[in-house]
């Protein structure tokens, strides 16, 4: 049992050393950078959605105009 605990302790110590060296060579981004990156992604999504919104408004406007024209023509046909 003591040998297993000792071996586990050595493995843990080696893992800690590897983790520390990995963190030194690749420091994690700060929380501010993560938030900034997420804000950039959200800003890009917002711009795409605004563009889609403009396209949809134009499509709706065109459809409404065609529908109004069709209603006028239908009323003219009914009046004849």
N, C-alpha and C. Protein backbone atom coordinates (compact mmCIF):
# COMPACT_ATOMS: atom_id res chain seq x y z
N UNK A 1 0.82 -1.18 0.00
CA UNK A 1 0.00 0.00 0.00
C UNK A 1 0.87 1.26 0.00
N UNK A 2 1.90 1.26 0.78
CA UNK A 2 2.80 2.42 0.88
C UNK A 2 3.48 2.68 -0.46
N UNK A 3 3.86 1.61 -1.18
CA UNK A 3 4.50 1.78 -2.48
C UNK A 3 3.54 2.43 -3.47
N UNK A 4 2.28 2.02 -3.43
CA UNK A 4 1.29 2.59 -4.34
C UNK A 4 1.07 4.07 -4.05
N UNK A 5 0.99 4.41 -2.77
CA UNK A 5 0.83 5.82 -2.41
C UNK A 5 2.05 6.64 -2.84
N UNK A 6 3.21 6.07 -2.65
CA UNK A 6 4.44 6.76 -3.04
C UNK A 6 4.48 6.96 -4.56
N UNK A 7 4.12 5.92 -5.31
CA UNK A 7 4.10 6.02 -6.77
C UNK A 7 3.06 7.05 -7.24
N UNK A 8 1.90 7.05 -6.59
CA UNK A 8 0.87 8.03 -6.94
C UNK A 8 1.35 9.44 -6.64
N UNK A 9 2.03 9.62 -5.53
CA UNK A 9 2.58 10.93 -5.18
C UNK A 9 3.60 11.40 -6.20
N UNK A 10 4.44 10.49 -6.67
CA UNK A 10 5.44 10.84 -7.68
C UNK A 10 4.76 11.21 -9.01
N UNK A 11 3.75 10.45 -9.39
CA UNK A 11 3.02 10.77 -10.62
C UNK A 11 2.35 12.14 -10.50
N UNK A 12 1.79 12.42 -9.35
CA UNK A 12 1.15 13.72 -9.12
C UNK A 12 2.18 14.84 -9.20
N UNK A 13 3.33 14.63 -8.60
CA UNK A 13 4.38 15.65 -8.63
C UNK A 13 4.84 15.91 -10.06
N UNK A 14 5.00 14.85 -10.86
CA UNK A 14 5.40 15.02 -12.27
C UNK A 14 4.30 15.75 -13.05
N UNK A 15 3.06 15.42 -12.76
CA UNK A 15 1.94 16.08 -13.44
C UNK A 15 1.91 17.57 -13.12
N UNK A 16 2.18 17.90 -11.86
CA UNK A 16 2.21 19.31 -11.46
C UNK A 16 3.33 20.04 -12.18
N UNK A 17 4.49 19.42 -12.28
CA UNK A 17 5.62 20.04 -12.98
C UNK A 17 5.27 20.26 -14.45
N UNK A 18 4.67 19.25 -15.09
CA UNK A 18 4.27 19.39 -16.50
C UNK A 18 3.24 20.51 -16.66
N UNK A 19 2.28 20.58 -15.76
CA UNK A 19 1.26 21.62 -15.82
C UNK A 19 1.86 23.00 -15.65
N UNK A 20 2.76 23.14 -14.69
CA UNK A 20 3.40 24.44 -14.47
C UNK A 20 4.21 24.87 -15.68
N UNK A 21 4.95 23.94 -16.28
CA UNK A 21 5.75 24.31 -17.45
C UNK A 21 4.85 24.63 -18.64
N UNK A 22 3.74 23.92 -18.77
CA UNK A 22 2.80 24.22 -19.85
C UNK A 22 2.18 25.60 -19.66
N UNK A 23 1.83 25.95 -18.43
CA UNK A 23 1.26 27.26 -18.16
C UNK A 23 2.26 28.38 -18.39
N UNK A 24 3.53 28.11 -18.10
CA UNK A 24 4.56 29.12 -18.33
C UNK A 24 4.76 29.37 -19.82
N UNK A 25 4.71 28.32 -20.60
CA UNK A 25 4.93 28.49 -22.04
C UNK A 25 3.68 28.97 -22.76
N UNK A 26 2.50 28.69 -22.23
CA UNK A 26 1.23 29.11 -22.83
C UNK A 26 0.32 29.69 -21.74
N UNK A 27 0.55 30.93 -21.33
CA UNK A 27 -0.29 31.48 -20.26
C UNK A 27 -1.74 31.60 -20.72
N UNK A 28 -2.68 31.33 -19.84
CA UNK A 28 -4.09 31.46 -20.23
C UNK A 28 -4.44 32.91 -20.46
N UNK A 29 -5.40 33.14 -21.36
CA UNK A 29 -5.84 34.51 -21.59
C UNK A 29 -6.56 35.00 -20.35
N UNK A 30 -6.44 36.27 -20.11
CA UNK A 30 -7.12 36.87 -18.97
C UNK A 30 -8.62 36.92 -19.19
N UNK A 31 -9.33 37.10 -18.13
CA UNK A 31 -10.79 37.16 -18.20
C UNK A 31 -11.24 38.31 -19.09
N UNK A 32 -10.52 39.42 -19.02
CA UNK A 32 -10.87 40.57 -19.86
C UNK A 32 -10.75 40.25 -21.33
N UNK A 33 -9.71 39.52 -21.71
CA UNK A 33 -9.54 39.14 -23.11
C UNK A 33 -10.64 38.20 -23.55
N UNK A 34 -11.06 37.29 -22.68
CA UNK A 34 -12.14 36.37 -23.02
C UNK A 34 -13.43 37.14 -23.25
N UNK A 35 -13.72 38.07 -22.36
CA UNK A 35 -14.93 38.88 -22.49
C UNK A 35 -14.86 39.71 -23.76
N UNK A 36 -13.69 40.28 -24.03
CA UNK A 36 -13.52 41.08 -25.23
C UNK A 36 -13.74 40.24 -26.48
N UNK A 37 -13.20 39.03 -26.49
CA UNK A 37 -13.39 38.13 -27.63
C UNK A 37 -14.85 37.77 -27.82
N UNK A 38 -15.53 37.51 -26.72
CA UNK A 38 -16.96 37.19 -26.81
C UNK A 38 -17.75 38.40 -27.29
N UNK A 39 -17.36 39.59 -26.85
CA UNK A 39 -18.04 40.81 -27.28
C UNK A 39 -17.86 41.01 -28.78
N UNK A 40 -16.66 40.72 -29.29
CA UNK A 40 -16.41 40.84 -30.73
C UNK A 40 -17.30 39.88 -31.52
N UNK A 41 -17.42 38.66 -31.04
CA UNK A 41 -18.27 37.67 -31.71
C UNK A 41 -19.72 38.13 -31.71
N UNK A 42 -20.18 38.62 -30.56
CA UNK A 42 -21.55 39.10 -30.47
C UNK A 42 -21.78 40.31 -31.37
N UNK A 43 -20.79 41.19 -31.48
CA UNK A 43 -20.92 42.36 -32.35
C UNK A 43 -21.03 41.93 -33.81
N UNK A 44 -20.26 40.93 -34.21
CA UNK A 44 -20.35 40.41 -35.58
C UNK A 44 -21.72 39.80 -35.84
N UNK A 45 -22.21 39.03 -34.88
CA UNK A 45 -23.53 38.43 -35.03
C UNK A 45 -24.61 39.51 -35.12
N UNK A 46 -24.47 40.56 -34.32
CA UNK A 46 -25.43 41.66 -34.35
C UNK A 46 -25.44 42.33 -35.72
N UNK A 47 -24.28 42.56 -36.30
CA UNK A 47 -24.21 43.18 -37.62
C UNK A 47 -24.86 42.30 -38.68
N UNK A 48 -24.62 40.99 -38.61
CA UNK A 48 -25.27 40.07 -39.56
C UNK A 48 -26.78 40.12 -39.40
N UNK A 49 -27.24 40.13 -38.16
CA UNK A 49 -28.67 40.15 -37.91
C UNK A 49 -29.30 41.46 -38.39
N UNK A 50 -28.59 42.56 -38.22
CA UNK A 50 -29.09 43.84 -38.72
C UNK A 50 -29.22 43.81 -40.24
N UNK A 51 -28.22 43.24 -40.90
CA UNK A 51 -28.28 43.11 -42.35
C UNK A 51 -29.45 42.24 -42.79
N UNK A 52 -29.66 41.13 -42.09
CA UNK A 52 -30.79 40.26 -42.40
C UNK A 52 -32.10 40.99 -42.14
N UNK A 53 -32.15 41.79 -41.09
CA UNK A 53 -33.36 42.54 -40.76
C UNK A 53 -33.71 43.51 -41.88
N UNK A 54 -32.71 44.20 -42.42
CA UNK A 54 -32.93 45.13 -43.52
C UNK A 54 -33.48 44.38 -44.73
N UNK A 55 -32.87 43.24 -45.05
CA UNK A 55 -33.34 42.45 -46.19
C UNK A 55 -34.78 41.99 -45.99
N UNK A 56 -35.10 41.53 -44.78
CA UNK A 56 -36.46 41.07 -44.50
C UNK A 56 -37.46 42.21 -44.58
N UNK A 57 -37.09 43.39 -44.09
CA UNK A 57 -38.00 44.54 -44.18
C UNK A 57 -38.29 44.89 -45.63
N UNK A 58 -37.25 44.85 -46.47
CA UNK A 58 -37.45 45.14 -47.90
C UNK A 58 -38.35 44.08 -48.53
N UNK A 59 -38.14 42.83 -48.17
CA UNK A 59 -38.95 41.74 -48.70
C UNK A 59 -40.41 41.90 -48.27
N UNK A 60 -40.63 42.24 -47.01
CA UNK A 60 -41.98 42.44 -46.50
C UNK A 60 -42.64 43.62 -47.20
N UNK A 61 -41.89 44.71 -47.37
CA UNK A 61 -42.43 45.89 -48.04
C UNK A 61 -42.84 45.56 -49.47
N UNK A 62 -41.97 44.85 -50.18
CA UNK A 62 -42.30 44.46 -51.56
C UNK A 62 -43.51 43.55 -51.62
N UNK A 63 -43.59 42.61 -50.69
CA UNK A 63 -44.74 41.70 -50.65
C UNK A 63 -46.03 42.46 -50.34
N UNK A 64 -45.96 43.41 -49.42
CA UNK A 64 -47.14 44.20 -49.07
C UNK A 64 -47.61 45.03 -50.26
N UNK A 65 -46.66 45.60 -50.99
CA UNK A 65 -47.03 46.40 -52.17
C UNK A 65 -47.68 45.52 -53.23
N UNK A 66 -47.13 44.34 -53.47
CA UNK A 66 -47.74 43.44 -54.46
C UNK A 66 -49.12 42.98 -54.01
N UNK A 67 -49.28 42.74 -52.73
CA UNK A 67 -50.59 42.34 -52.20
C UNK A 67 -51.59 43.47 -52.36
N UNK A 68 -51.18 44.70 -52.06
CA UNK A 68 -52.07 45.85 -52.24
C UNK A 68 -52.48 45.98 -53.70
N UNK A 69 -51.54 45.82 -54.62
CA UNK A 69 -51.86 45.89 -56.05
C UNK A 69 -52.84 44.79 -56.45
N UNK A 70 -52.64 43.58 -55.93
CA UNK A 70 -53.53 42.47 -56.25
C UNK A 70 -54.94 42.73 -55.71
N UNK A 71 -55.04 43.33 -54.53
CA UNK A 71 -56.35 43.64 -53.95
C UNK A 71 -57.07 44.68 -54.80
N UNK A 72 -56.34 45.70 -55.24
CA UNK A 72 -56.93 46.74 -56.10
C UNK A 72 -57.45 46.11 -57.39
N UNK A 73 -56.64 45.27 -58.01
CA UNK A 73 -57.07 44.61 -59.25
C UNK A 73 -58.29 43.72 -59.02
N UNK A 74 -58.31 43.02 -57.91
CA UNK A 74 -59.43 42.15 -57.59
C UNK A 74 -60.71 42.97 -57.39
N UNK A 75 -60.60 44.11 -56.70
CA UNK A 75 -61.77 44.98 -56.50
C UNK A 75 -62.27 45.53 -57.82
N UNK A 76 -61.34 45.87 -58.72
CA UNK A 76 -61.74 46.37 -60.05
C UNK A 76 -62.49 45.28 -60.80
N UNK A 77 -61.99 44.04 -60.73
CA UNK A 77 -62.66 42.93 -61.41
C UNK A 77 -64.04 42.67 -60.82
N UNK A 78 -64.18 42.80 -59.53
CA UNK A 78 -65.48 42.59 -58.88
C UNK A 78 -66.47 43.69 -59.26
N UNK A 79 -65.95 44.90 -59.46
CA UNK A 79 -66.83 46.03 -59.79
C UNK A 79 -67.36 45.94 -61.21
N UNK A 80 -66.69 45.24 -62.09
CA UNK A 80 -67.12 45.16 -63.50
C UNK A 80 -68.33 44.31 -63.66
